[in-house]
Amino acid sequence: MSSSAQEQGLADICSSAKAPAVTTFASAANGHAKGDVVISMPEDLARRMDGLIRRSNQCAAADDFNKRRQKRLADFGAVICGAEALIVNAAPGTAFADYLVVQPGALPWTAADAVRAMNTVMQFARDSAPALRLSPEKAALVGVGAFALAREVLINNKPL
C-alpha cells in the first residue's frame, strides 16, 4: 500500500462485489492499513458510474469553486460535478439508487482544495436529502463516497 493511499484514506475501488458496499479496515489486513476504505460495487454499476463521472465535468458549483482558488492544484471543480451527478442519479428510482448504501465516514483529505471540494459535495448531498429519502447526515456520507469515487476517476485517472 502506498503512503499516498493511506494518507488520503481511500484504499481501493473494487468492481467485483454483488452489491455496493463500503469497508473500513479497523486494523491492517490483506495489504490494507488501519483506516483504509474500500468501496466495492458490481462491475456493470462501476462502469456506468465511471462513464457518468467522466461526462459530468462542468456545472455551476465547479465554476464557483474554481473562481475562489488562487492556485490550481488539481481540477476539483470537475470532481464536484462528477460527484453531484452521482448524487442526483442515486435517488430512489434512478440509475444508481443501489449506491445509497455507500456511506463511508469522513475521509482524511489533507489538501485544502480537496477538503473544500468535498465539503461542497457534502452540502449538495445534504440539500438533496429529501430527494434521496435520507437524513441530511446520511446524505452527506453518500456525498463523501461520491466525492471519493469522482476523485479516483478524475484526479487519479483510475477507472472504477
N, C-alpha and C. Protein backbone atom coordinates (compact mmCIF):
# COMPACT_ATOMS: atom_id res chain seq x y z
N MET A 1 0.84 -1.17 0.00
CA MET A 1 0.00 0.00 0.00
C MET A 1 0.88 1.23 0.00
N SER A 2 0.58 2.17 -0.84
CA SER A 2 1.38 3.38 -0.90
C SER A 2 0.99 4.32 0.23
N SER A 3 1.92 5.14 0.64
CA SER A 3 1.61 6.09 1.70
C SER A 3 0.57 7.10 1.22
N SER A 4 0.53 7.37 -0.08
CA SER A 4 -0.45 8.29 -0.63
C SER A 4 -1.86 7.77 -0.40
N ALA A 5 -2.09 6.49 -0.66
CA ALA A 5 -3.42 5.92 -0.45
C ALA A 5 -3.77 5.95 1.03
N GLN A 6 -2.80 5.66 1.89
CA GLN A 6 -3.07 5.70 3.32
C GLN A 6 -3.40 7.12 3.75
N GLU A 7 -2.65 8.09 3.26
CA GLU A 7 -2.87 9.47 3.64
C GLU A 7 -4.26 9.93 3.23
N GLN A 8 -4.69 9.56 2.05
CA GLN A 8 -5.97 10.01 1.55
C GLN A 8 -7.14 9.21 2.12
N GLY A 9 -6.89 8.01 2.61
CA GLY A 9 -7.94 7.25 3.25
C GLY A 9 -8.72 6.34 2.33
N LEU A 10 -8.65 6.52 1.03
CA LEU A 10 -9.37 5.66 0.11
C LEU A 10 -8.38 4.67 -0.47
N ALA A 11 -8.51 3.42 -0.10
CA ALA A 11 -7.53 2.43 -0.48
C ALA A 11 -7.80 1.82 -1.83
N ASP A 12 -9.05 1.59 -2.15
CA ASP A 12 -9.32 0.80 -3.33
C ASP A 12 -10.77 0.97 -3.75
N ILE A 13 -11.00 0.79 -5.02
CA ILE A 13 -12.35 0.69 -5.52
C ILE A 13 -12.41 -0.63 -6.26
N CYS A 14 -13.20 -1.52 -5.77
CA CYS A 14 -13.25 -2.89 -6.28
C CYS A 14 -14.56 -3.09 -7.02
N SER A 15 -14.49 -3.61 -8.23
CA SER A 15 -15.71 -3.79 -9.01
C SER A 15 -16.10 -5.26 -9.12
N SER A 16 -15.92 -6.01 -8.05
CA SER A 16 -16.29 -7.43 -8.12
C SER A 16 -17.42 -7.79 -7.16
N ALA A 17 -17.94 -6.85 -6.41
CA ALA A 17 -18.98 -7.14 -5.43
C ALA A 17 -20.32 -7.36 -6.13
N LYS A 18 -21.24 -8.01 -5.42
CA LYS A 18 -22.59 -8.23 -5.95
C LYS A 18 -23.49 -7.03 -5.68
N ALA A 19 -23.21 -6.28 -4.63
CA ALA A 19 -23.96 -5.07 -4.29
C ALA A 19 -22.97 -4.04 -3.78
N PRO A 20 -23.28 -2.76 -3.94
CA PRO A 20 -22.36 -1.74 -3.43
C PRO A 20 -22.17 -1.89 -1.92
N ALA A 21 -20.95 -1.66 -1.49
CA ALA A 21 -20.63 -1.75 -0.06
C ALA A 21 -19.39 -0.93 0.23
N VAL A 22 -19.22 -0.57 1.48
CA VAL A 22 -18.02 0.13 1.92
C VAL A 22 -17.44 -0.63 3.10
N THR A 23 -16.13 -0.80 3.08
CA THR A 23 -15.42 -1.47 4.17
C THR A 23 -14.32 -0.55 4.67
N THR A 24 -14.30 -0.34 5.97
CA THR A 24 -13.23 0.43 6.60
C THR A 24 -12.44 -0.54 7.47
N PHE A 25 -11.14 -0.63 7.23
CA PHE A 25 -10.30 -1.58 7.95
C PHE A 25 -9.99 -1.05 9.35
N ALA A 26 -10.38 -1.83 10.37
CA ALA A 26 -10.12 -1.46 11.76
C ALA A 26 -8.67 -1.77 12.14
N SER A 27 -8.06 -2.67 11.39
CA SER A 27 -6.65 -3.00 11.62
C SER A 27 -6.04 -3.39 10.27
N ALA A 28 -4.73 -3.46 10.22
CA ALA A 28 -4.04 -3.83 8.99
C ALA A 28 -4.40 -5.27 8.62
N ALA A 29 -4.72 -5.49 7.34
CA ALA A 29 -5.05 -6.83 6.86
C ALA A 29 -5.06 -6.84 5.34
N ASN A 30 -4.65 -7.94 4.75
CA ASN A 30 -4.71 -8.15 3.30
C ASN A 30 -4.11 -6.99 2.49
N GLY A 31 -3.01 -6.45 2.96
CA GLY A 31 -2.34 -5.37 2.25
C GLY A 31 -2.93 -4.00 2.51
N HIS A 32 -3.90 -3.91 3.38
CA HIS A 32 -4.53 -2.63 3.71
C HIS A 32 -4.07 -2.18 5.09
N ALA A 33 -3.91 -0.89 5.26
CA ALA A 33 -3.54 -0.32 6.55
C ALA A 33 -4.79 -0.01 7.36
N LYS A 34 -4.63 0.12 8.65
CA LYS A 34 -5.73 0.52 9.52
C LYS A 34 -6.30 1.84 9.02
N GLY A 35 -7.61 1.91 8.90
CA GLY A 35 -8.28 3.11 8.44
C GLY A 35 -8.52 3.17 6.94
N ASP A 36 -7.91 2.26 6.17
CA ASP A 36 -8.16 2.23 4.73
C ASP A 36 -9.63 1.98 4.45
N VAL A 37 -10.12 2.55 3.38
CA VAL A 37 -11.52 2.40 2.98
C VAL A 37 -11.55 1.76 1.60
N VAL A 38 -12.39 0.74 1.46
CA VAL A 38 -12.59 0.07 0.17
C VAL A 38 -14.05 0.19 -0.19
N ILE A 39 -14.32 0.73 -1.36
CA ILE A 39 -15.69 0.81 -1.87
C ILE A 39 -15.82 -0.27 -2.94
N SER A 40 -16.78 -1.17 -2.75
CA SER A 40 -16.99 -2.28 -3.67
C SER A 40 -18.34 -2.12 -4.36
N MET A 41 -18.41 -2.56 -5.60
CA MET A 41 -19.67 -2.49 -6.34
C MET A 41 -19.62 -3.44 -7.52
N PRO A 42 -20.79 -3.81 -8.06
CA PRO A 42 -20.81 -4.67 -9.24
C PRO A 42 -20.11 -4.00 -10.42
N GLU A 43 -19.51 -4.81 -11.26
CA GLU A 43 -18.74 -4.31 -12.39
C GLU A 43 -19.56 -3.42 -13.32
N ASP A 44 -20.80 -3.82 -13.61
CA ASP A 44 -21.65 -3.03 -14.50
C ASP A 44 -21.95 -1.67 -13.89
N LEU A 45 -22.26 -1.64 -12.60
CA LEU A 45 -22.53 -0.37 -11.93
C LEU A 45 -21.29 0.51 -11.95
N ALA A 46 -20.13 -0.07 -11.67
CA ALA A 46 -18.88 0.70 -11.68
C ALA A 46 -18.62 1.30 -13.06
N ARG A 47 -18.85 0.53 -14.10
CA ARG A 47 -18.61 1.01 -15.47
C ARG A 47 -19.55 2.17 -15.81
N ARG A 48 -20.83 2.03 -15.44
CA ARG A 48 -21.80 3.09 -15.74
C ARG A 48 -21.51 4.36 -14.93
N MET A 49 -21.12 4.18 -13.66
CA MET A 49 -20.79 5.34 -12.83
C MET A 49 -19.54 6.04 -13.36
N ASP A 50 -18.56 5.27 -13.76
CA ASP A 50 -17.34 5.83 -14.33
C ASP A 50 -17.68 6.70 -15.54
N GLY A 51 -18.53 6.20 -16.42
CA GLY A 51 -18.93 6.95 -17.61
C GLY A 51 -19.62 8.25 -17.25
N LEU A 52 -20.52 8.21 -16.27
CA LEU A 52 -21.23 9.41 -15.85
C LEU A 52 -20.25 10.44 -15.27
N ILE A 53 -19.35 9.98 -14.43
CA ILE A 53 -18.37 10.89 -13.83
C ILE A 53 -17.55 11.58 -14.92
N ARG A 54 -17.08 10.81 -15.89
CA ARG A 54 -16.23 11.37 -16.95
C ARG A 54 -16.99 12.36 -17.85
N ARG A 55 -18.30 12.16 -18.00
CA ARG A 55 -19.11 13.07 -18.83
C ARG A 55 -19.55 14.31 -18.08
N SER A 56 -19.57 14.26 -16.77
CA SER A 56 -20.14 15.34 -15.95
C SER A 56 -19.04 16.20 -15.36
N ASN A 57 -18.40 17.00 -16.20
CA ASN A 57 -17.26 17.78 -15.70
C ASN A 57 -17.47 19.28 -15.72
N GLN A 58 -18.69 19.72 -16.01
CA GLN A 58 -18.98 21.15 -15.98
C GLN A 58 -20.31 21.37 -15.25
N CYS A 59 -20.29 22.29 -14.29
CA CYS A 59 -21.51 22.63 -13.56
C CYS A 59 -21.28 23.96 -12.84
N ALA A 60 -22.35 24.56 -12.37
CA ALA A 60 -22.26 25.86 -11.70
C ALA A 60 -21.39 25.79 -10.44
N ALA A 61 -21.50 24.70 -9.69
CA ALA A 61 -20.72 24.58 -8.46
C ALA A 61 -19.22 24.58 -8.76
N ALA A 62 -18.84 23.97 -9.86
CA ALA A 62 -17.42 23.95 -10.25
C ALA A 62 -16.95 25.34 -10.64
N ASP A 63 -17.79 26.06 -11.36
CA ASP A 63 -17.42 27.42 -11.74
C ASP A 63 -17.18 28.27 -10.51
N ASP A 64 -18.07 28.17 -9.53
CA ASP A 64 -17.93 28.93 -8.29
C ASP A 64 -16.68 28.50 -7.53
N PHE A 65 -16.45 27.20 -7.44
CA PHE A 65 -15.29 26.67 -6.73
C PHE A 65 -13.99 27.15 -7.39
N ASN A 66 -13.93 27.08 -8.71
CA ASN A 66 -12.71 27.48 -9.43
C ASN A 66 -12.43 28.97 -9.32
N LYS A 67 -13.46 29.80 -9.22
CA LYS A 67 -13.27 31.25 -9.09
C LYS A 67 -12.60 31.60 -7.76
N ARG A 68 -12.84 30.81 -6.73
CA ARG A 68 -12.34 31.10 -5.39
C ARG A 68 -10.90 30.66 -5.18
N ARG A 69 -10.35 29.88 -6.08
CA ARG A 69 -8.99 29.36 -5.88
C ARG A 69 -7.96 30.31 -6.44
N GLN A 70 -6.87 30.49 -5.69
CA GLN A 70 -5.76 31.31 -6.14
C GLN A 70 -4.85 30.52 -7.07
N LYS A 71 -4.55 29.28 -6.69
CA LYS A 71 -3.62 28.45 -7.44
C LYS A 71 -4.31 27.13 -7.77
N ARG A 72 -4.22 26.70 -8.99
CA ARG A 72 -4.88 25.47 -9.43
C ARG A 72 -3.96 24.27 -9.18
N LEU A 73 -4.29 23.47 -8.18
CA LEU A 73 -3.50 22.29 -7.86
C LEU A 73 -4.03 21.06 -8.59
N ALA A 74 -5.31 20.95 -8.70
CA ALA A 74 -5.95 19.83 -9.39
C ALA A 74 -7.34 20.30 -9.78
N ASP A 75 -7.98 19.61 -10.70
CA ASP A 75 -9.28 20.04 -11.18
C ASP A 75 -10.39 19.49 -10.28
N PHE A 76 -10.47 20.04 -9.08
CA PHE A 76 -11.52 19.59 -8.17
C PHE A 76 -12.89 20.11 -8.58
N GLY A 77 -12.94 21.13 -9.44
CA GLY A 77 -14.23 21.57 -9.96
C GLY A 77 -14.91 20.45 -10.73
N ALA A 78 -14.17 19.75 -11.57
CA ALA A 78 -14.73 18.61 -12.32
C ALA A 78 -15.14 17.49 -11.36
N VAL A 79 -14.36 17.29 -10.31
CA VAL A 79 -14.71 16.26 -9.31
C VAL A 79 -16.04 16.60 -8.66
N ILE A 80 -16.24 17.86 -8.32
CA ILE A 80 -17.52 18.29 -7.74
C ILE A 80 -18.66 17.95 -8.69
N CYS A 81 -18.50 18.26 -9.97
CA CYS A 81 -19.56 17.99 -10.94
C CYS A 81 -19.85 16.50 -11.06
N GLY A 82 -18.80 15.69 -11.13
CA GLY A 82 -18.99 14.24 -11.22
C GLY A 82 -19.67 13.68 -10.00
N ALA A 83 -19.27 14.15 -8.82
CA ALA A 83 -19.89 13.68 -7.58
C ALA A 83 -21.35 14.11 -7.49
N GLU A 84 -21.63 15.35 -7.87
CA GLU A 84 -23.01 15.82 -7.84
C GLU A 84 -23.88 15.02 -8.81
N ALA A 85 -23.35 14.68 -9.97
CA ALA A 85 -24.10 13.86 -10.92
C ALA A 85 -24.41 12.49 -10.33
N LEU A 86 -23.45 11.91 -9.63
CA LEU A 86 -23.71 10.62 -8.97
C LEU A 86 -24.82 10.75 -7.93
N ILE A 87 -24.78 11.81 -7.15
CA ILE A 87 -25.78 12.01 -6.10
C ILE A 87 -27.17 12.15 -6.71
N VAL A 88 -27.29 12.98 -7.72
CA VAL A 88 -28.59 13.17 -8.38
C VAL A 88 -29.11 11.84 -8.92
N ASN A 89 -28.23 11.03 -9.47
CA ASN A 89 -28.63 9.77 -10.07
C ASN A 89 -28.66 8.61 -9.07
N ALA A 90 -28.53 8.91 -7.78
CA ALA A 90 -28.62 7.89 -6.74
C ALA A 90 -29.97 7.95 -6.02
N ALA A 91 -30.82 8.88 -6.39
CA ALA A 91 -32.13 8.96 -5.75
C ALA A 91 -32.93 7.69 -6.04
N PRO A 92 -33.80 7.31 -5.12
CA PRO A 92 -34.62 6.11 -5.36
C PRO A 92 -35.34 6.19 -6.71
N GLY A 93 -35.30 5.10 -7.44
CA GLY A 93 -35.93 5.03 -8.75
C GLY A 93 -35.06 5.50 -9.89
N THR A 94 -33.81 5.90 -9.60
CA THR A 94 -32.91 6.37 -10.65
C THR A 94 -31.83 5.33 -10.93
N ALA A 95 -30.95 5.65 -11.85
CA ALA A 95 -29.96 4.68 -12.35
C ALA A 95 -29.04 4.10 -11.29
N PHE A 96 -28.68 4.86 -10.28
CA PHE A 96 -27.70 4.40 -9.29
C PHE A 96 -28.28 4.34 -7.87
N ALA A 97 -29.57 4.07 -7.76
CA ALA A 97 -30.22 4.03 -6.45
C ALA A 97 -29.55 3.03 -5.50
N ASP A 98 -28.99 1.95 -6.03
CA ASP A 98 -28.31 0.96 -5.18
C ASP A 98 -27.10 1.55 -4.47
N TYR A 99 -26.58 2.65 -4.99
CA TYR A 99 -25.38 3.26 -4.42
C TYR A 99 -25.64 3.94 -3.07
N LEU A 100 -26.89 4.20 -2.73
CA LEU A 100 -27.20 4.91 -1.49
C LEU A 100 -26.69 4.20 -0.24
N VAL A 101 -26.39 2.92 -0.32
CA VAL A 101 -25.88 2.20 0.86
C VAL A 101 -24.41 2.54 1.12
N VAL A 102 -23.73 3.16 0.17
CA VAL A 102 -22.31 3.51 0.35
C VAL A 102 -22.24 4.83 1.10
N GLN A 103 -21.96 4.72 2.39
CA GLN A 103 -21.91 5.89 3.26
C GLN A 103 -20.66 5.82 4.14
N PRO A 104 -19.48 6.02 3.54
CA PRO A 104 -18.27 5.97 4.36
C PRO A 104 -18.22 7.15 5.32
N GLY A 105 -17.47 7.00 6.37
CA GLY A 105 -17.24 8.13 7.26
C GLY A 105 -16.40 9.17 6.54
N ALA A 106 -16.19 10.28 7.18
CA ALA A 106 -15.36 11.33 6.58
C ALA A 106 -13.97 10.78 6.29
N LEU A 107 -13.45 11.09 5.13
CA LEU A 107 -12.13 10.64 4.73
C LEU A 107 -11.11 11.75 5.02
N PRO A 108 -9.92 11.38 5.44
CA PRO A 108 -8.94 12.37 5.90
C PRO A 108 -8.14 13.04 4.78
N TRP A 109 -8.80 13.82 3.95
CA TRP A 109 -8.09 14.54 2.90
C TRP A 109 -7.17 15.55 3.57
N THR A 110 -6.00 15.76 3.00
CA THR A 110 -5.06 16.70 3.59
C THR A 110 -4.92 17.98 2.78
N ALA A 111 -5.14 17.93 1.48
CA ALA A 111 -5.04 19.13 0.64
C ALA A 111 -6.25 20.03 0.87
N ALA A 112 -5.99 21.32 1.07
CA ALA A 112 -7.07 22.26 1.35
C ALA A 112 -8.13 22.27 0.25
N ASP A 113 -7.70 22.22 -1.03
CA ASP A 113 -8.66 22.20 -2.13
C ASP A 113 -9.55 20.97 -2.07
N ALA A 114 -8.97 19.82 -1.72
CA ALA A 114 -9.76 18.59 -1.63
C ALA A 114 -10.80 18.69 -0.51
N VAL A 115 -10.40 19.25 0.61
CA VAL A 115 -11.33 19.41 1.74
C VAL A 115 -12.46 20.35 1.35
N ARG A 116 -12.12 21.48 0.73
CA ARG A 116 -13.16 22.43 0.30
C ARG A 116 -14.10 21.80 -0.71
N ALA A 117 -13.54 21.06 -1.67
CA ALA A 117 -14.38 20.43 -2.69
C ALA A 117 -15.28 19.37 -2.06
N MET A 118 -14.74 18.56 -1.15
CA MET A 118 -15.56 17.54 -0.51
C MET A 118 -16.67 18.20 0.31
N ASN A 119 -16.36 19.29 1.00
CA ASN A 119 -17.40 19.99 1.77
C ASN A 119 -18.50 20.53 0.86
N THR A 120 -18.12 20.99 -0.33
CA THR A 120 -19.11 21.45 -1.31
C THR A 120 -20.04 20.31 -1.70
N VAL A 121 -19.46 19.14 -1.97
CA VAL A 121 -20.26 17.97 -2.36
C VAL A 121 -21.14 17.51 -1.20
N MET A 122 -20.59 17.51 0.00
CA MET A 122 -21.38 17.10 1.17
C MET A 122 -22.58 18.03 1.37
N GLN A 123 -22.39 19.33 1.15
CA GLN A 123 -23.52 20.25 1.30
C GLN A 123 -24.55 20.01 0.20
N PHE A 124 -24.09 19.75 -1.01
CA PHE A 124 -25.02 19.42 -2.10
C PHE A 124 -25.83 18.18 -1.73
N ALA A 125 -25.16 17.18 -1.17
CA ALA A 125 -25.85 15.95 -0.77
C ALA A 125 -26.86 16.23 0.35
N ARG A 126 -26.47 17.05 1.33
CA ARG A 126 -27.42 17.42 2.40
C ARG A 126 -28.65 18.10 1.81
N ASP A 127 -28.42 19.01 0.87
CA ASP A 127 -29.53 19.71 0.23
C ASP A 127 -30.40 18.76 -0.58
N SER A 128 -29.81 17.65 -1.03
CA SER A 128 -30.53 16.64 -1.83
C SER A 128 -31.18 15.56 -0.97
N ALA A 129 -31.03 15.66 0.34
CA ALA A 129 -31.53 14.62 1.25
C ALA A 129 -33.00 14.26 1.01
N PRO A 130 -33.91 15.23 0.83
CA PRO A 130 -35.31 14.84 0.60
C PRO A 130 -35.47 13.97 -0.65
N ALA A 131 -34.79 14.31 -1.72
CA ALA A 131 -34.89 13.50 -2.95
C ALA A 131 -34.26 12.13 -2.76
N LEU A 132 -33.21 12.05 -1.93
CA LEU A 132 -32.55 10.78 -1.68
C LEU A 132 -33.29 9.95 -0.64
N ARG A 133 -34.25 10.56 0.04
CA ARG A 133 -35.01 9.93 1.12
C ARG A 133 -34.09 9.47 2.24
N LEU A 134 -33.14 10.35 2.57
CA LEU A 134 -32.20 10.11 3.65
C LEU A 134 -32.18 11.32 4.57
N SER A 135 -31.69 11.13 5.77
CA SER A 135 -31.47 12.27 6.64
C SER A 135 -30.33 13.09 6.04
N PRO A 136 -30.24 14.37 6.36
CA PRO A 136 -29.12 15.18 5.85
C PRO A 136 -27.76 14.59 6.23
N GLU A 137 -27.65 14.01 7.43
CA GLU A 137 -26.38 13.42 7.87
C GLU A 137 -25.99 12.22 6.99
N LYS A 138 -26.95 11.33 6.73
CA LYS A 138 -26.66 10.16 5.89
C LYS A 138 -26.41 10.59 4.44
N ALA A 139 -27.14 11.57 3.98
CA ALA A 139 -26.93 12.08 2.62
C ALA A 139 -25.51 12.64 2.48
N ALA A 140 -25.05 13.34 3.51
CA ALA A 140 -23.69 13.89 3.46
C ALA A 140 -22.66 12.77 3.32
N LEU A 141 -22.89 11.64 3.97
CA LEU A 141 -21.97 10.50 3.84
C LEU A 141 -22.01 9.91 2.44
N VAL A 142 -23.18 9.89 1.81
CA VAL A 142 -23.26 9.49 0.41
C VAL A 142 -22.41 10.45 -0.43
N GLY A 143 -22.44 11.72 -0.07
CA GLY A 143 -21.62 12.72 -0.75
C GLY A 143 -20.14 12.45 -0.60
N VAL A 144 -19.72 12.01 0.59
CA VAL A 144 -18.31 11.66 0.80
C VAL A 144 -17.90 10.55 -0.16
N GLY A 145 -18.72 9.51 -0.26
CA GLY A 145 -18.42 8.40 -1.17
C GLY A 145 -18.40 8.84 -2.62
N ALA A 146 -19.36 9.67 -3.00
CA ALA A 146 -19.42 10.15 -4.39
C ALA A 146 -18.19 10.99 -4.71
N PHE A 147 -17.78 11.83 -3.76
CA PHE A 147 -16.57 12.63 -3.96
C PHE A 147 -15.35 11.73 -4.12
N ALA A 148 -15.23 10.72 -3.28
CA ALA A 148 -14.08 9.81 -3.35
C ALA A 148 -14.03 9.10 -4.70
N LEU A 149 -15.17 8.65 -5.19
CA LEU A 149 -15.19 7.96 -6.49
C LEU A 149 -14.81 8.92 -7.62
N ALA A 150 -15.41 10.11 -7.60
CA ALA A 150 -15.11 11.09 -8.65
C ALA A 150 -13.64 11.50 -8.61
N ARG A 151 -13.08 11.61 -7.42
CA ARG A 151 -11.66 11.95 -7.29
C ARG A 151 -10.78 10.85 -7.87
N GLU A 152 -11.11 9.61 -7.59
CA GLU A 152 -10.33 8.50 -8.14
C GLU A 152 -10.34 8.52 -9.66
N VAL A 153 -11.51 8.78 -10.25
CA VAL A 153 -11.66 8.77 -11.70
C VAL A 153 -10.98 9.99 -12.33
N LEU A 154 -11.23 11.16 -11.80
CA LEU A 154 -10.81 12.39 -12.49
C LEU A 154 -9.43 12.92 -12.05
N ILE A 155 -9.05 12.73 -10.82
CA ILE A 155 -7.74 13.22 -10.36
C ILE A 155 -6.69 12.11 -10.50
N ASN A 156 -7.04 10.92 -10.02
CA ASN A 156 -6.09 9.80 -10.08
C ASN A 156 -6.16 9.02 -11.37
N ASN A 157 -7.13 9.36 -12.24
CA ASN A 157 -7.31 8.73 -13.55
C ASN A 157 -7.39 7.20 -13.45
N LYS A 158 -8.16 6.73 -12.48
CA LYS A 158 -8.37 5.30 -12.30
C LYS A 158 -9.80 4.95 -12.68
N PRO A 159 -9.99 3.93 -13.48
CA PRO A 159 -11.37 3.51 -13.79
C PRO A 159 -12.00 2.86 -12.57
N LEU A 160 -13.30 2.97 -12.44
CA LEU A 160 -13.99 2.30 -11.35
C LEU A 160 -14.10 0.82 -11.65
